[in-house]
Amino acid sequence: MDKRKMSPRWTYQIELCECAKISELVPSSYTFEGHTCVPEIYLPFTNDFSDHSGNNVYVRVDNASLTSGAACFDGKSAIAIPAFANMDYGGTFHVHVRYKHLDLTTNLQSLIFNGDCNKSPTLIIGTKMSGNHLSLLTNLNEEKKMWVSSKRPLTDWRDVWLKFERGELILQTNDHTNMAPLNGAIARSECGMKIGWGKGYDNFIGCIDEVSIHRCHPEVTVNKS
C-alpha cells in the first residue's frame, strides 16, 4: 500500500496495515438537539458483516463466521472498526452488545477493546458468565472500573449496555445496573475499535447478535430488520 497515494481524508492504520478513513471529529459539547439520533455504526449481522447505520463504516473481519444471523467467534476471531481511531467520543456515548457465550468461561473475555499496536486502550468491555466488566480512561487521565452481574444461563442471549451521558456512567445487563459519576469524557484512542479481541484478555468465544454505537442519546432501541 503506497501511503503517498492516499486521499487527505484517509490515514494509514498501523494495526490493519492499510488505509482507513479518518473519523469526523466533533467537540465534547456537540449535541444532537433537533436532529434524529442515528448510530455511528450498527452491525446486525443478519446476512453480512456490513455496517447498516447508513454511514457505510468500513469493517474488517478476521476469522469470524455468520451463523443464523449472528457473528460467531472461536477464540481466534476479531472484528476491527478502524474509523474509531482518534475519535472524540463526546459528552454522550452509548454502546450496546447482544451476545451469547459458547463456553463456561471463568476468565474475562473481550467484547469491546480500543487498543492495539502497543497503545493502551481507553475503553474495554469484558464478559464472563457471571457478568460484565468495564474499564475506561477519561480525558482527565482518570481511570474508572465497573462491574455488573448477570444471571443469564449459558444458552440465553444476554445484553450489555454502556451509557455515558450528562456526567453519569452506567453499565447495565439484563438483570442489574451499576452507575457512577464520571468527570470529563472517555479519552480518545489512537487505535480503532475491536470486537471479540483484546490484549491482556481472553478472546471471545461465542456469538454476537448485534452491536450498536451512538454518540447521542438513542430514543428508540435499534432492532434487527
Protein backbone atom coordinates (compact mmCIF):
# COMPACT_ATOMS: atom_id res chain seq x y z
CA MET A 1 0.00 0.00 0.00
CA ASP A 2 1.51 3.36 -1.08
CA LYS A 3 0.74 5.87 1.67
CA ARG A 4 1.59 8.76 -0.69
CA LYS A 5 -1.44 7.95 -2.87
CA MET A 6 -3.99 8.31 -0.06
CA SER A 7 -6.70 10.94 -0.02
CA PRO A 8 -6.22 13.65 2.65
CA ARG A 9 -9.33 12.24 4.38
CA TRP A 10 -7.69 8.84 4.81
CA THR A 11 -4.90 7.73 7.12
CA TYR A 12 -2.59 4.73 7.29
CA GLN A 13 -3.73 2.39 10.06
CA ILE A 14 -0.78 0.53 11.55
CA GLU A 15 -2.90 -2.09 13.28
CA LEU A 16 -4.59 -3.02 9.99
CA CYS A 17 -1.61 -2.20 7.75
CA GLU A 18 -3.89 -0.42 5.30
CA CYS A 19 -5.66 2.85 4.65
CA ALA A 20 -8.72 3.79 6.66
CA LYS A 21 -10.97 6.83 6.57
CA ILE A 22 -10.29 9.47 9.22
CA SER A 23 -13.20 9.88 11.65
CA GLU A 24 -15.22 13.06 11.66
CA LEU A 25 -14.15 14.71 14.89
CA VAL A 26 -16.64 16.70 16.96
CA PRO A 27 -16.11 18.63 20.20
CA SER A 28 -17.27 17.14 23.50
CA SER A 29 -20.03 19.77 23.69
CA TYR A 30 -21.62 18.53 20.47
CA THR A 31 -25.31 17.68 20.82
CA PHE A 32 -27.96 16.28 18.52
CA GLU A 33 -30.74 18.63 19.63
CA GLY A 34 -33.26 19.00 16.84
CA HIS A 35 -31.75 16.07 14.98
CA THR A 36 -32.56 12.37 14.84
CA CYS A 37 -30.04 10.34 16.78
CA VAL A 38 -28.55 7.72 14.48
CA PRO A 39 -25.82 5.21 15.35
CA GLU A 40 -22.21 5.74 14.38
CA ILE A 41 -22.22 2.07 13.46
CA TYR A 42 -24.87 -0.65 13.55
CA LEU A 43 -23.93 -4.28 12.97
CA PRO A 44 -27.00 -6.57 12.95
CA PHE A 45 -25.09 -9.49 11.36
CA THR A 46 -28.34 -10.65 9.75
CA ASN A 47 -26.86 -11.53 6.37
CA ASP A 48 -23.41 -9.92 6.40
CA PHE A 49 -20.78 -8.10 8.45
CA SER A 50 -21.59 -4.69 6.93
CA ASP A 51 -22.47 -1.51 8.77
CA HIS A 52 -26.22 -0.79 8.49
CA SER A 53 -26.18 2.65 10.14
CA GLY A 54 -26.19 4.45 6.80
CA ASN A 55 -22.64 5.72 7.43
CA ASN A 56 -21.02 2.95 5.39
CA VAL A 57 -18.32 2.41 8.02
CA TYR A 58 -15.56 0.05 6.96
CA VAL A 59 -15.48 -3.23 8.93
CA ARG A 60 -12.63 -5.74 8.80
CA VAL A 61 -13.40 -9.36 9.71
CA ASP A 62 -10.76 -11.86 10.80
CA ASN A 63 -11.87 -15.48 11.15
CA ALA A 64 -15.42 -14.73 12.36
CA SER A 65 -18.34 -16.55 10.76
CA LEU A 66 -22.03 -15.85 10.21
CA THR A 67 -24.38 -18.38 11.78
CA SER A 68 -28.17 -17.93 11.98
CA GLY A 69 -28.00 -14.15 11.86
CA ALA A 70 -25.12 -13.74 14.32
CA ALA A 71 -21.35 -13.27 14.12
CA CYS A 72 -19.62 -16.18 15.81
CA PHE A 73 -16.13 -16.15 17.34
CA ASP A 74 -13.96 -19.17 18.12
CA GLY A 75 -11.32 -17.51 20.30
CA LYS A 76 -9.15 -16.72 17.28
CA SER A 77 -11.55 -14.22 15.71
CA ALA A 78 -11.82 -10.44 15.66
CA ILE A 79 -13.76 -7.65 14.01
CA ALA A 80 -11.94 -4.32 13.61
CA ILE A 81 -13.50 -0.89 13.07
CA PRO A 82 -10.63 1.50 12.23
CA ALA A 83 -12.91 4.54 11.84
CA PHE A 84 -13.00 4.89 15.65
CA ALA A 85 -9.27 5.68 15.81
CA ASN A 86 -8.74 9.16 17.31
CA MET A 87 -12.50 9.68 17.55
CA ASP A 88 -13.82 12.18 20.08
CA TYR A 89 -16.46 10.13 21.91
CA GLY A 90 -18.10 13.33 23.12
CA GLY A 91 -20.28 14.02 26.13
CA THR A 92 -22.82 11.36 25.19
CA PHE A 93 -21.75 7.84 24.24
CA HIS A 94 -23.79 4.63 24.13
CA VAL A 95 -22.70 1.06 23.30
CA HIS A 96 -25.00 -1.96 23.11
CA VAL A 97 -23.88 -5.55 22.52
CA ARG A 98 -26.25 -8.53 22.37
CA TYR A 99 -24.35 -11.80 22.60
CA LYS A 100 -24.21 -15.37 23.85
CA HIS A 101 -21.36 -17.37 25.38
CA LEU A 102 -20.45 -20.74 23.90
CA ASP A 103 -18.23 -21.83 26.78
CA LEU A 104 -18.41 -21.72 30.58
CA THR A 105 -15.59 -19.23 30.91
CA THR A 106 -14.41 -18.03 34.30
CA ASN A 107 -11.87 -15.66 32.69
CA LEU A 108 -12.74 -12.26 31.31
CA GLN A 109 -13.21 -12.31 27.55
CA SER A 110 -13.04 -9.13 25.50
CA LEU A 111 -16.18 -7.85 23.78
CA ILE A 112 -15.11 -4.25 23.01
CA PHE A 113 -11.50 -3.04 23.08
CA ASN A 114 -9.91 0.07 21.54
CA GLY A 115 -6.18 -0.54 21.99
CA ASP A 116 -3.53 -2.21 19.82
CA CYS A 117 -0.01 -1.70 18.44
CA ASN A 118 1.41 -1.23 21.96
CA LYS A 119 -1.12 1.56 22.58
CA SER A 120 -3.13 1.27 25.80
CA PRO A 121 -6.92 1.13 25.39
CA THR A 122 -9.22 3.81 26.79
CA LEU A 123 -12.33 1.60 26.63
CA ILE A 124 -12.76 -2.10 27.46
CA ILE A 125 -15.98 -4.05 27.89
CA GLY A 126 -15.33 -7.60 29.06
CA THR A 127 -17.58 -10.54 29.78
CA LYS A 128 -17.70 -13.80 31.69
CA MET A 129 -20.60 -15.96 32.75
CA SER A 130 -21.17 -14.02 35.98
CA GLY A 131 -21.37 -10.57 34.41
CA ASN A 132 -19.59 -7.71 32.65
CA HIS A 133 -16.50 -5.65 33.35
CA LEU A 134 -15.90 -2.06 32.20
CA SER A 135 -12.56 -0.27 32.23
CA LEU A 136 -12.06 3.19 30.77
CA LEU A 137 -9.72 6.14 30.84
CA THR A 138 -11.01 9.71 30.76
CA ASN A 139 -9.58 12.75 29.02
CA LEU A 140 -8.62 13.94 32.52
CA ASN A 141 -6.40 10.84 32.84
CA GLU A 142 -8.68 9.27 35.44
CA GLU A 143 -9.28 5.51 35.32
CA LYS A 144 -12.72 4.10 36.02
CA LYS A 145 -13.57 0.43 36.53
CA MET A 146 -17.05 -1.05 36.99
CA TRP A 147 -18.62 -4.49 37.31
CA VAL A 148 -22.23 -5.54 36.87
CA SER A 149 -23.51 -9.06 37.44
CA SER A 150 -25.68 -11.19 35.18
CA LYS A 151 -27.73 -14.28 35.96
CA ARG A 152 -28.38 -15.33 32.38
CA PRO A 153 -27.76 -19.06 31.70
CA LEU A 154 -25.23 -20.15 29.11
CA THR A 155 -27.85 -20.89 26.46
CA ASP A 156 -29.57 -17.47 26.64
CA TRP A 157 -28.79 -14.29 24.74
CA ARG A 158 -27.62 -11.51 27.02
CA ASP A 159 -27.25 -7.75 26.61
CA VAL A 160 -24.75 -5.28 27.95
CA TRP A 161 -25.14 -1.51 27.68
CA LEU A 162 -22.56 1.19 28.31
CA LYS A 163 -24.23 4.58 28.69
CA PHE A 164 -22.34 7.82 29.30
CA GLU A 165 -24.40 10.98 29.40
CA ARG A 166 -24.51 14.22 31.42
CA GLY A 167 -21.55 13.17 33.54
CA GLU A 168 -23.10 9.83 34.54
CA LEU A 169 -21.65 6.45 33.60
CA ILE A 170 -23.96 3.41 33.51
CA LEU A 171 -23.09 -0.24 32.95
CA GLN A 172 -26.18 -2.39 32.57
CA THR A 173 -27.08 -6.01 31.92
CA ASN A 174 -30.49 -7.68 31.58
CA ASP A 175 -30.53 -8.20 35.36
CA HIS A 176 -28.58 -5.41 37.05
CA THR A 177 -27.37 -1.83 36.68
CA ASN A 178 -24.33 -0.08 38.10
CA MET A 179 -23.81 3.68 37.83
CA ALA A 180 -21.24 6.24 38.89
CA PRO A 181 -20.33 9.87 38.18
CA LEU A 182 -17.66 10.46 35.55
CA ASN A 183 -15.67 13.66 35.22
CA GLY A 184 -14.65 14.66 31.73
CA ALA A 185 -15.25 12.25 28.87
CA ILE A 186 -13.86 8.96 27.55
CA ALA A 187 -10.36 9.63 26.22
CA ARG A 188 -9.55 9.20 22.57
CA SER A 189 -7.60 6.16 21.47
CA GLU A 190 -5.09 6.11 18.64
CA CYS A 191 -6.49 2.73 17.62
CA GLY A 192 -9.80 1.65 16.18
CA MET A 193 -12.43 -0.45 17.95
CA LYS A 194 -12.04 -4.20 18.17
CA ILE A 195 -14.88 -6.66 18.76
CA GLY A 196 -14.10 -10.06 20.28
CA TRP A 197 -10.39 -9.37 20.80
CA GLY A 198 -8.37 -7.52 23.41
CA LYS A 199 -4.74 -7.70 24.50
CA GLY A 200 -4.46 -8.97 28.07
CA TYR A 201 -7.90 -10.60 27.93
CA ASP A 202 -9.14 -13.92 26.62
CA ASN A 203 -10.60 -13.63 23.14
CA PHE A 204 -14.36 -14.02 22.94
CA ILE A 205 -15.85 -17.46 22.31
CA GLY A 206 -19.50 -17.17 21.40
CA CYS A 207 -21.87 -15.37 19.05
CA ILE A 208 -22.80 -11.69 18.82
CA ASP A 209 -26.30 -10.90 17.58
CA GLU A 210 -25.76 -7.16 17.17
CA VAL A 211 -23.59 -4.19 18.07
CA SER A 212 -24.61 -0.54 18.02
CA ILE A 213 -22.60 2.55 18.99
CA HIS A 214 -24.07 6.05 19.31
CA ARG A 215 -22.58 9.47 20.08
CA CYS A 216 -26.03 10.71 21.02
CA HIS A 217 -28.98 9.51 23.11
CA PRO A 218 -30.82 6.78 21.15
CA GLU A 219 -34.52 7.46 21.57
CA VAL A 220 -35.51 4.03 20.32
CA THR A 221 -33.60 0.77 20.63
CA VAL A 222 -32.25 -0.36 17.27
CA ASN A 223 -33.97 -3.58 16.20
CA LYS A 224 -32.83 -6.01 13.59
CA SER A 225 -34.89 -5.98 10.42
